[in-house]
Every structure is written in C-alpha cells, then in structure tokens.
C-alpha cells in the first residue's frame, strides 16, 4: 500500500484510467463481433465502416497501438472481401 500523497493519487488515477481503457477495449471487441456476425448481409459495408472508426478511436485515445489497429482493420477488410467474392 502506498504511503505518500503522490503515490495515493497515482493509484487513484491508475484505477480510473484502467476502467476507461477496459471499457474502450470492450466496446471495440463488441463492434468487431457485430461486424463478423453481419458478414454476408447487406449491412456489412456500414458495419465495417463503424468498426473501422471505432478501432481508430481506440488509437486516438491511446488504448490500441497504431500497428495493432492497422492489423485488425486489415484482417477485417480481408474477411469482408472474401465474403463479397462468394
């Protein structure tokens, strides 16, 4: 347990930040699941654009690394293109 004022404040800030980051990551995962379930329907294009913007928002907030976000978007786009081919 921290004893200094600054360490106590750091702990409080860390808890708040962790909760915010966790909710943001959870939201991104939910959007990805919605996109994957919509693949093959007529709503796939709009679902892809929404999941892409949500992932980019995660990068802006510092929750995801830029390369991680690009990799996720690339894989989702690949899934989208393969579904359109069929």
PDB file of N, CA and C in Angstrom:
ATOM      1  N   UNK A   1       0.844  -1.182   0.000  1.00  0.00           N
ATOM      2  CA  UNK A   1       0.000   0.000   0.000  1.00  0.00           C
ATOM      3  C   UNK A   1       0.886   1.241   0.000  1.00  0.00           C
ATOM      4  N   UNK A   2       0.485   2.218  -0.788  1.00  0.00           N
ATOM      5  CA  UNK A   2       1.263   3.448  -0.894  1.00  0.00           C
ATOM      6  C   UNK A   2       1.043   4.334   0.332  1.00  0.00           C
ATOM      7  N   UNK A   3       2.080   5.025   0.726  1.00  0.00           N
ATOM      8  CA  UNK A   3       2.001   5.889   1.898  1.00  0.00           C
ATOM      9  C   UNK A   3       2.075   7.368   1.554  1.00  0.00           C
ATOM     10  N   UNK A   4       2.720   7.726   0.456  1.00  0.00           N
ATOM     11  CA  UNK A   4       2.889   9.122   0.097  1.00  0.00           C
ATOM     12  C   UNK A   4       1.640   9.646  -0.613  1.00  0.00           C
ATOM     13  N   UNK A   5       1.411  10.934  -0.476  1.00  0.00           N
ATOM     14  CA  UNK A   5       0.256  11.552  -1.125  1.00  0.00           C
ATOM     15  C   UNK A   5       0.286  11.342  -2.633  1.00  0.00           C
ATOM     16  N   UNK A   6       1.452  11.552  -3.211  1.00  0.00           N
ATOM     17  CA  UNK A   6       1.566  11.439  -4.666  1.00  0.00           C
ATOM     18  C   UNK A   6       1.325  10.002  -5.125  1.00  0.00           C
ATOM     19  N   UNK A   7       1.781   9.026  -4.334  1.00  0.00           N
ATOM     20  CA  UNK A   7       1.576   7.628  -4.695  1.00  0.00           C
ATOM     21  C   UNK A   7       0.101   7.242  -4.573  1.00  0.00           C
ATOM     22  N   UNK A   8      -0.571   7.788  -3.562  1.00  0.00           N
ATOM     23  CA  UNK A   8      -2.006   7.526  -3.410  1.00  0.00           C
ATOM     24  C   UNK A   8      -2.792   8.113  -4.582  1.00  0.00           C
ATOM     25  N   UNK A   9      -2.417   9.323  -4.970  1.00  0.00           N
ATOM     26  CA  UNK A   9      -3.077   9.965  -6.113  1.00  0.00           C
ATOM     27  C   UNK A   9      -2.823   9.160  -7.388  1.00  0.00           C
ATOM     28  N   UNK A  10      -1.594   8.689  -7.551  1.00  0.00           N
ATOM     29  CA  UNK A  10      -1.235   7.887  -8.713  1.00  0.00           C
ATOM     30  C   UNK A  10      -2.102   6.623  -8.784  1.00  0.00           C
ATOM     31  N   UNK A  11      -2.333   6.006  -7.619  1.00  0.00           N
ATOM     32  CA  UNK A  11      -3.161   4.798  -7.570  1.00  0.00           C
ATOM     33  C   UNK A  11      -4.596   5.102  -7.990  1.00  0.00           C
ATOM     34  N   UNK A  12      -5.119   6.232  -7.497  1.00  0.00           N
ATOM     35  CA  UNK A  12      -6.490   6.610  -7.861  1.00  0.00           C
ATOM     36  C   UNK A  12      -6.592   6.863  -9.363  1.00  0.00           C
ATOM     37  N   UNK A  13      -5.626   7.580  -9.910  1.00  0.00           N
ATOM     38  CA  UNK A  13      -5.644   7.886 -11.338  1.00  0.00           C
ATOM     39  C   UNK A  13      -5.512   6.608 -12.164  1.00  0.00           C
ATOM     40  N   UNK A  14      -4.680   5.708 -11.703  1.00  0.00           N
ATOM     41  CA  UNK A  14      -4.463   4.455 -12.406  1.00  0.00           C
ATOM     42  C   UNK A  14      -5.739   3.627 -12.464  1.00  0.00           C
ATOM     43  N   UNK A  15      -6.481   3.588 -11.356  1.00  0.00           N
ATOM     44  CA  UNK A  15      -7.735   2.841 -11.327  1.00  0.00           C
ATOM     45  C   UNK A  15      -8.748   3.428 -12.302  1.00  0.00           C
ATOM     46  N   UNK A  16      -8.848   4.757 -12.323  1.00  0.00           N
ATOM     47  CA  UNK A  16      -9.777   5.413 -13.242  1.00  0.00           C
ATOM     48  C   UNK A  16      -9.407   5.123 -14.688  1.00  0.00           C
ATOM     49  N   UNK A  17      -8.112   5.262 -14.999  1.00  0.00           N
ATOM     50  CA  UNK A  17      -7.644   5.070 -16.363  1.00  0.00           C
ATOM     51  C   UNK A  17      -7.855   3.629 -16.817  1.00  0.00           C
ATOM     52  N   UNK A  18      -7.602   2.672 -15.906  1.00  0.00           N
ATOM     53  CA  UNK A  18      -7.782   1.266 -16.228  1.00  0.00           C
ATOM     54  C   UNK A  18      -9.239   0.983 -16.572  1.00  0.00           C
ATOM     55  N   UNK A  19     -10.159   1.553 -15.810  1.00  0.00           N
ATOM     56  CA  UNK A  19     -11.585   1.349 -16.078  1.00  0.00           C
ATOM     57  C   UNK A  19     -11.977   1.925 -17.437  1.00  0.00           C
ATOM     58  N   UNK A  20     -11.465   3.114 -17.741  1.00  0.00           N
ATOM     59  CA  UNK A  20     -11.780   3.748 -19.027  1.00  0.00           C
ATOM     60  C   UNK A  20     -11.219   2.920 -20.180  1.00  0.00           C
ATOM     61  N   UNK A  21      -9.956   2.492 -20.048  1.00  0.00           N
ATOM     62  CA  UNK A  21      -9.333   1.703 -21.110  1.00  0.00           C
ATOM     63  C   UNK A  21     -10.054   0.374 -21.308  1.00  0.00           C
ATOM     64  N   UNK A  22     -10.435  -0.258 -20.205  1.00  0.00           N
ATOM     65  CA  UNK A  22     -11.114  -1.551 -20.302  1.00  0.00           C
ATOM     66  C   UNK A  22     -12.451  -1.413 -21.013  1.00  0.00           C
ATOM     67  N   UNK A  23     -13.191  -0.342 -20.721  1.00  0.00           N
ATOM     68  CA  UNK A  23     -14.484  -0.147 -21.375  1.00  0.00           C
ATOM     69  C   UNK A  23     -14.299   0.146 -22.862  1.00  0.00           C
ATOM     70  N   UNK A  24     -13.237   0.874 -23.197  1.00  0.00           N
ATOM     71  CA  UNK A  24     -12.970   1.190 -24.606  1.00  0.00           C
ATOM     72  C   UNK A  24     -12.608  -0.073 -25.381  1.00  0.00           C
ATOM     73  N   UNK A  25     -11.780  -0.919 -24.795  1.00  0.00           N
ATOM     74  CA  UNK A  25     -11.398  -2.167 -25.449  1.00  0.00           C
ATOM     75  C   UNK A  25     -12.610  -3.071 -25.605  1.00  0.00           C
ATOM     76  N   UNK A  26     -13.455  -3.120 -24.582  1.00  0.00           N
ATOM     77  CA  UNK A  26     -14.663  -3.927 -24.638  1.00  0.00           C
ATOM     78  C   UNK A  26     -15.587  -3.442 -25.751  1.00  0.00           C
ATOM     79  N   UNK A  27     -15.692  -2.138 -25.894  1.00  0.00           N
ATOM     80  CA  UNK A  27     -16.534  -1.558 -26.954  1.00  0.00           C
ATOM     81  C   UNK A  27     -15.999  -1.935 -28.336  1.00  0.00           C
ATOM     82  N   UNK A  28     -14.700  -1.890 -28.504  1.00  0.00           N
ATOM     83  CA  UNK A  28     -14.090  -2.264 -29.777  1.00  0.00           C
ATOM     84  C   UNK A  28     -14.375  -3.727 -30.094  1.00  0.00           C
ATOM     85  N   UNK A  29     -14.214  -4.587 -29.095  1.00  0.00           N
ATOM     86  CA  UNK A  29     -14.467  -6.011 -29.300  1.00  0.00           C
ATOM     87  C   UNK A  29     -15.921  -6.266 -29.673  1.00  0.00           C
ATOM     88  N   UNK A  30     -16.844  -5.521 -29.066  1.00  0.00           N
ATOM     89  CA  UNK A  30     -18.261  -5.658 -29.387  1.00  0.00           C
ATOM     90  C   UNK A  30     -18.523  -5.279 -30.836  1.00  0.00           C
ATOM     91  N   UNK A  31     -17.915  -4.185 -31.291  1.00  0.00           N
ATOM     92  CA  UNK A  31     -18.089  -3.762 -32.681  1.00  0.00           C
ATOM     93  C   UNK A  31     -17.535  -4.823 -33.645  1.00  0.00           C
ATOM     94  N   UNK A  32     -16.401  -5.423 -33.281  1.00  0.00           N
ATOM     95  CA  UNK A  32     -15.806  -6.463 -34.127  1.00  0.00           C
ATOM     96  C   UNK A  32     -16.736  -7.662 -34.219  1.00  0.00           C
ATOM     97  N   UNK A  33     -17.313  -8.071 -33.088  1.00  0.00           N
ATOM     98  CA  UNK A  33     -18.241  -9.206 -33.083  1.00  0.00           C
ATOM     99  C   UNK A  33     -19.473  -8.912 -33.930  1.00  0.00           C
ATOM    100  N   UNK A  34     -19.992  -7.680 -33.836  1.00  0.00           N
ATOM    101  CA  UNK A  34     -21.154  -7.296 -34.640  1.00  0.00           C
ATOM    102  C   UNK A  34     -20.820  -7.342 -36.122  1.00  0.00           C
ATOM    103  N   UNK A  35     -19.608  -6.879 -36.466  1.00  0.00           N
ATOM    104  CA  UNK A  35     -19.196  -6.910 -37.869  1.00  0.00           C
ATOM    105  C   UNK A  35     -19.102  -8.342 -38.373  1.00  0.00           C
ATOM    106  N   UNK A  36     -18.457  -9.218 -37.603  1.00  0.00           N
ATOM    107  CA  UNK A  36     -18.276 -10.599 -38.029  1.00  0.00           C
ATOM    108  C   UNK A  36     -19.629 -11.289 -38.195  1.00  0.00           C
ATOM    109  N   UNK A  37     -20.574 -10.987 -37.320  1.00  0.00           N
ATOM    110  CA  UNK A  37     -21.897 -11.606 -37.442  1.00  0.00           C
ATOM    111  C   UNK A  37     -22.678 -11.036 -38.628  1.00  0.00           C
ATOM    112  N   UNK A  38     -22.336  -9.827 -39.067  1.00  0.00           N
ATOM    113  CA  UNK A  38     -23.062  -9.220 -40.188  1.00  0.00           C
ATOM    114  C   UNK A  38     -22.434  -9.531 -41.541  1.00  0.00           C
ATOM    115  N   UNK A  39     -21.306 -10.232 -41.559  1.00  0.00           N
ATOM    116  CA  UNK A  39     -20.646 -10.553 -42.834  1.00  0.00           C
ATOM    117  C   UNK A  39     -21.584 -11.413 -43.668  1.00  0.00           C
ATOM    118  N   UNK A  40     -21.762 -11.005 -44.910  1.00  0.00           N
ATOM    119  CA  UNK A  40     -22.634 -11.731 -45.817  1.00  0.00           C
ATOM    120  C   UNK A  40     -24.013 -11.120 -45.940  1.00  0.00           C
ATOM    121  N   UNK A  41     -24.341 -10.152 -45.103  1.00  0.00           N
ATOM    122  CA  UNK A  41     -25.623  -9.481 -45.204  1.00  0.00           C
ATOM    123  C   UNK A  41     -25.443  -8.147 -45.927  1.00  0.00           C
ATOM    124  N   UNK A  42     -26.553  -7.457 -46.133  1.00  0.00           N
ATOM    125  CA  UNK A  42     -26.453  -6.186 -46.853  1.00  0.00           C
ATOM    126  C   UNK A  42     -25.922  -5.046 -45.974  1.00  0.00           C
ATOM    127  N   UNK A  43     -25.799  -5.288 -44.664  1.00  0.00           N
ATOM    128  CA  UNK A  43     -25.319  -4.251 -43.747  1.00  0.00           C
ATOM    129  C   UNK A  43     -23.818  -4.348 -43.486  1.00  0.00           C
ATOM    130  N   UNK A  44     -23.137  -5.187 -44.227  1.00  0.00           N
ATOM    131  CA  UNK A  44     -21.725  -5.428 -43.961  1.00  0.00           C
ATOM    132  C   UNK A  44     -20.881  -4.176 -44.171  1.00  0.00           C
ATOM    133  N   UNK A  45     -21.170  -3.420 -45.212  1.00  0.00           N
ATOM    134  CA  UNK A  45     -20.378  -2.218 -45.505  1.00  0.00           C
ATOM    135  C   UNK A  45     -20.462  -1.179 -44.412  1.00  0.00           C
ATOM    136  N   UNK A  46     -21.664  -0.927 -43.923  1.00  0.00           N
ATOM    137  CA  UNK A  46     -21.813   0.060 -42.848  1.00  0.00           C
ATOM    138  C   UNK A  46     -21.209  -0.454 -41.542  1.00  0.00           C
ATOM    139  N   UNK A  47     -21.314  -1.763 -41.320  1.00  0.00           N
ATOM    140  CA  UNK A  47     -20.718  -2.343 -40.111  1.00  0.00           C
ATOM    141  C   UNK A  47     -19.202  -2.231 -40.169  1.00  0.00           C
ATOM    142  N   UNK A  48     -18.623  -2.402 -41.353  1.00  0.00           N
ATOM    143  CA  UNK A  48     -17.173  -2.295 -41.488  1.00  0.00           C
ATOM    144  C   UNK A  48     -16.711  -0.874 -41.217  1.00  0.00           C
ATOM    145  N   UNK A  49     -17.423   0.100 -41.763  1.00  0.00           N
ATOM    146  CA  UNK A  49     -17.010   1.491 -41.541  1.00  0.00           C
ATOM    147  C   UNK A  49     -17.127   1.871 -40.068  1.00  0.00           C
ATOM    148  N   UNK A  50     -18.145   1.362 -39.380  1.00  0.00           N
ATOM    149  CA  UNK A  50     -18.297   1.691 -37.967  1.00  0.00           C
ATOM    150  C   UNK A  50     -17.221   1.026 -37.115  1.00  0.00           C
ATOM    151  N   UNK A  51     -16.888  -0.232 -37.433  1.00  0.00           N
ATOM    152  CA  UNK A  51     -15.844  -0.910 -36.665  1.00  0.00           C
ATOM    153  C   UNK A  51     -14.483  -0.273 -36.944  1.00  0.00           C
ATOM    154  N   UNK A  52     -14.266   0.159 -38.162  1.00  0.00           N
ATOM    155  CA  UNK A  52     -13.005   0.804 -38.506  1.00  0.00           C
ATOM    156  C   UNK A  52     -12.844   2.120 -37.747  1.00  0.00           C
ATOM    157  N   UNK A  53     -13.898   2.910 -37.693  1.00  0.00           N
ATOM    158  CA  UNK A  53     -13.814   4.185 -36.971  1.00  0.00           C
ATOM    159  C   UNK A  53     -13.650   3.953 -35.473  1.00  0.00           C
ATOM    160  N   UNK A  54     -14.269   2.903 -34.956  1.00  0.00           N
ATOM    161  CA  UNK A  54     -14.141   2.610 -33.524  1.00  0.00           C
ATOM    162  C   UNK A  54     -12.716   2.184 -33.178  1.00  0.00           C
ATOM    163  N   UNK A  55     -12.102   1.398 -34.047  1.00  0.00           N
ATOM    164  CA  UNK A  55     -10.717   0.979 -33.823  1.00  0.00           C
ATOM    165  C   UNK A  55      -9.790   2.188 -33.899  1.00  0.00           C
ATOM    166  N   UNK A  56     -10.020   3.068 -34.853  1.00  0.00           N
ATOM    167  CA  UNK A  56      -9.194   4.269 -34.964  1.00  0.00           C
ATOM    168  C   UNK A  56      -9.370   5.178 -33.754  1.00  0.00           C
ATOM    169  N   UNK A  57     -10.572   5.205 -33.205  1.00  0.00           N
ATOM    170  CA  UNK A  57     -10.812   5.993 -31.995  1.00  0.00           C
ATOM    171  C   UNK A  57      -9.995   5.431 -30.832  1.00  0.00           C
ATOM    172  N   UNK A  58      -9.868   4.109 -30.793  1.00  0.00           N
ATOM    173  CA  UNK A  58      -9.037   3.480 -29.771  1.00  0.00           C
ATOM    174  C   UNK A  58      -7.583   3.893 -29.890  1.00  0.00           C
ATOM    175  N   UNK A  59      -7.117   4.049 -31.119  1.00  0.00           N
ATOM    176  CA  UNK A  59      -5.737   4.508 -31.341  1.00  0.00           C
ATOM    177  C   UNK A  59      -5.590   5.944 -30.853  1.00  0.00           C
ATOM    178  N   UNK A  60      -6.559   6.777 -31.163  1.00  0.00           N
ATOM    179  CA  UNK A  60      -6.512   8.180 -30.765  1.00  0.00           C
ATOM    180  C   UNK A  60      -6.486   8.324 -29.249  1.00  0.00           C
ATOM    181  N   UNK A  61      -7.233   7.476 -28.559  1.00  0.00           N
ATOM    182  CA  UNK A  61      -7.287   7.541 -27.099  1.00  0.00           C
ATOM    183  C   UNK A  61      -6.093   6.869 -26.448  1.00  0.00           C
ATOM    184  N   UNK A  62      -5.273   6.175 -27.223  1.00  0.00           N
ATOM    185  CA  UNK A  62      -4.093   5.537 -26.671  1.00  0.00           C
ATOM    186  C   UNK A  62      -4.348   4.154 -26.112  1.00  0.00           C
ATOM    187  N   UNK A  63      -5.477   3.566 -26.435  1.00  0.00           N
ATOM    188  CA  UNK A  63      -5.807   2.232 -25.939  1.00  0.00           C
ATOM    189  C   UNK A  63      -5.153   1.161 -26.799  1.00  0.00           C
ATOM    190  N   UNK A  64      -5.111   1.395 -28.105  1.00  0.00           N
ATOM    191  CA  UNK A  64      -4.503   0.457 -29.047  1.00  0.00           C
ATOM    192  C   UNK A  64      -3.283   1.092 -29.697  1.00  0.00           C
ATOM    193  N   UNK A  65      -2.309   0.274 -30.014  1.00  0.00           N
ATOM    194  CA  UNK A  65      -1.159   0.742 -30.778  1.00  0.00           C
ATOM    195  C   UNK A  65      -1.577   0.880 -32.236  1.00  0.00           C
ATOM    196  N   UNK A  66      -0.945   1.780 -32.947  1.00  0.00           N
ATOM    197  CA  UNK A  66      -1.309   2.061 -34.334  1.00  0.00           C
ATOM    198  C   UNK A  66      -1.182   0.823 -35.208  1.00  0.00           C
ATOM    199  N   UNK A  67      -0.083   0.090 -35.059  1.00  0.00           N
ATOM    200  CA  UNK A  67       0.115  -1.104 -35.886  1.00  0.00           C
ATOM    201  C   UNK A  67      -0.890  -2.198 -35.559  1.00  0.00           C
ATOM    202  N   UNK A  68      -1.255  -2.319 -34.302  1.00  0.00           N
ATOM    203  CA  UNK A  68      -2.265  -3.298 -33.899  1.00  0.00           C
ATOM    204  C   UNK A  68      -3.597  -2.971 -34.544  1.00  0.00           C
ATOM    205  N   UNK A  69      -3.956  -1.703 -34.531  1.00  0.00           N
ATOM    206  CA  UNK A  69      -5.212  -1.275 -35.134  1.00  0.00           C
ATOM    207  C   UNK A  69      -5.198  -1.526 -36.637  1.00  0.00           C
ATOM    208  N   UNK A  70      -4.086  -1.210 -37.290  1.00  0.00           N
ATOM    209  CA  UNK A  70      -3.993  -1.439 -38.734  1.00  0.00           C
ATOM    210  C   UNK A  70      -4.091  -2.921 -39.064  1.00  0.00           C
ATOM    211  N   UNK A  71      -3.480  -3.759 -38.232  1.00  0.00           N
ATOM    212  CA  UNK A  71      -3.551  -5.199 -38.456  1.00  0.00           C
ATOM    213  C   UNK A  71      -4.991  -5.703 -38.311  1.00  0.00           C
ATOM    214  N   UNK A  72      -5.690  -5.235 -37.288  1.00  0.00           N
ATOM    215  CA  UNK A  72      -7.074  -5.651 -37.074  1.00  0.00           C
ATOM    216  C   UNK A  72      -7.961  -5.212 -38.240  1.00  0.00           C
ATOM    217  N   UNK A  73      -7.801  -3.967 -38.664  1.00  0.00           N
ATOM    218  CA  UNK A  73      -8.600  -3.445 -39.769  1.00  0.00           C
ATOM    219  C   UNK A  73      -8.302  -4.216 -41.051  1.00  0.00           C
ATOM    220  N   UNK A  74      -7.028  -4.524 -41.277  1.00  0.00           N
ATOM    221  CA  UNK A  74      -6.637  -5.262 -42.472  1.00  0.00           C
ATOM    222  C   UNK A  74      -7.275  -6.647 -42.493  1.00  0.00           C
ATOM    223  N   UNK A  75      -7.259  -7.317 -41.356  1.00  0.00           N
ATOM    224  CA  UNK A  75      -7.846  -8.661 -41.297  1.00  0.00           C
ATOM    225  C   UNK A  75      -9.356  -8.619 -41.480  1.00  0.00           C
ATOM    226  N   UNK A  76     -10.006  -7.598 -40.921  1.00  0.00           N
ATOM    227  CA  UNK A  76     -11.448  -7.467 -41.102  1.00  0.00           C
ATOM    228  C   UNK A  76     -11.783  -7.148 -42.562  1.00  0.00           C
ATOM    229  N   UNK A  77     -10.952  -6.321 -43.192  1.00  0.00           N
ATOM    230  CA  UNK A  77     -11.157  -5.994 -44.601  1.00  0.00           C
ATOM    231  C   UNK A  77     -10.978  -7.235 -45.466  1.00  0.00           C
ATOM    232  N   UNK A  78     -10.004  -8.050 -45.121  1.00  0.00           N
ATOM    233  CA  UNK A  78      -9.776  -9.300 -45.839  1.00  0.00           C
ATOM    234  C   UNK A  78     -10.992 -10.206 -45.731  1.00  0.00           C
ATOM    235  N   UNK A  79     -11.574 -10.270 -44.545  1.00  0.00           N
ATOM    236  CA  UNK A  79     -12.787 -11.061 -44.324  1.00  0.00           C
ATOM    237  C   UNK A  79     -13.931 -10.520 -45.150  1.00  0.00           C
ATOM    238  N   UNK A  80     -14.049  -9.203 -45.199  1.00  0.00           N
ATOM    239  CA  UNK A  80     -15.101  -8.552 -45.985  1.00  0.00           C
ATOM    240  C   UNK A  80     -14.960  -8.876 -47.468  1.00  0.00           C
ATOM    241  N   UNK A  81     -13.743  -8.775 -47.993  1.00  0.00           N
ATOM    242  CA  UNK A  81     -13.508  -9.033 -49.416  1.00  0.00           C
ATOM    243  C   UNK A  81     -13.763 -10.492 -49.765  1.00  0.00           C
ATOM    244  N   UNK A  82     -13.362 -11.417 -48.872  1.00  0.00           N
ATOM    245  CA  UNK A  82     -13.593 -12.831 -49.155  1.00  0.00           C
ATOM    246  C   UNK A  82     -15.087 -13.163 -49.125  1.00  0.00           C
ATOM    247  N   UNK A  83     -15.844 -12.463 -48.292  1.00  0.00           N
ATOM    248  CA  UNK A  83     -17.284 -12.689 -48.237  1.00  0.00           C
ATOM    249  C   UNK A  83     -17.966 -12.142 -49.487  1.00  0.00           C
ATOM    250  N   UNK A  84     -17.444 -11.048 -50.032  1.00  0.00           N
ATOM    251  CA  UNK A  84     -18.021 -10.474 -51.249  1.00  0.00           C
ATOM    252  C   UNK A  84     -17.749 -11.344 -52.457  1.00  0.00           C
ATOM    253  N   UNK A  85     -16.634 -12.075 -52.439  1.00  0.00           N
ATOM    254  CA  UNK A  85     -16.293 -12.954 -53.569  1.00  0.00           C
ATOM    255  C   UNK A  85     -17.257 -14.120 -53.687  1.00  0.00           C
ATOM    256  N   UNK A  86     -17.761 -14.580 -52.555  1.00  0.00           N
ATOM    257  CA  UNK A  86     -18.635 -15.759 -52.566  1.00  0.00           C
ATOM    258  C   UNK A  86     -20.013 -15.477 -53.020  1.00  0.00           C
TER     259      UNK A  86
END
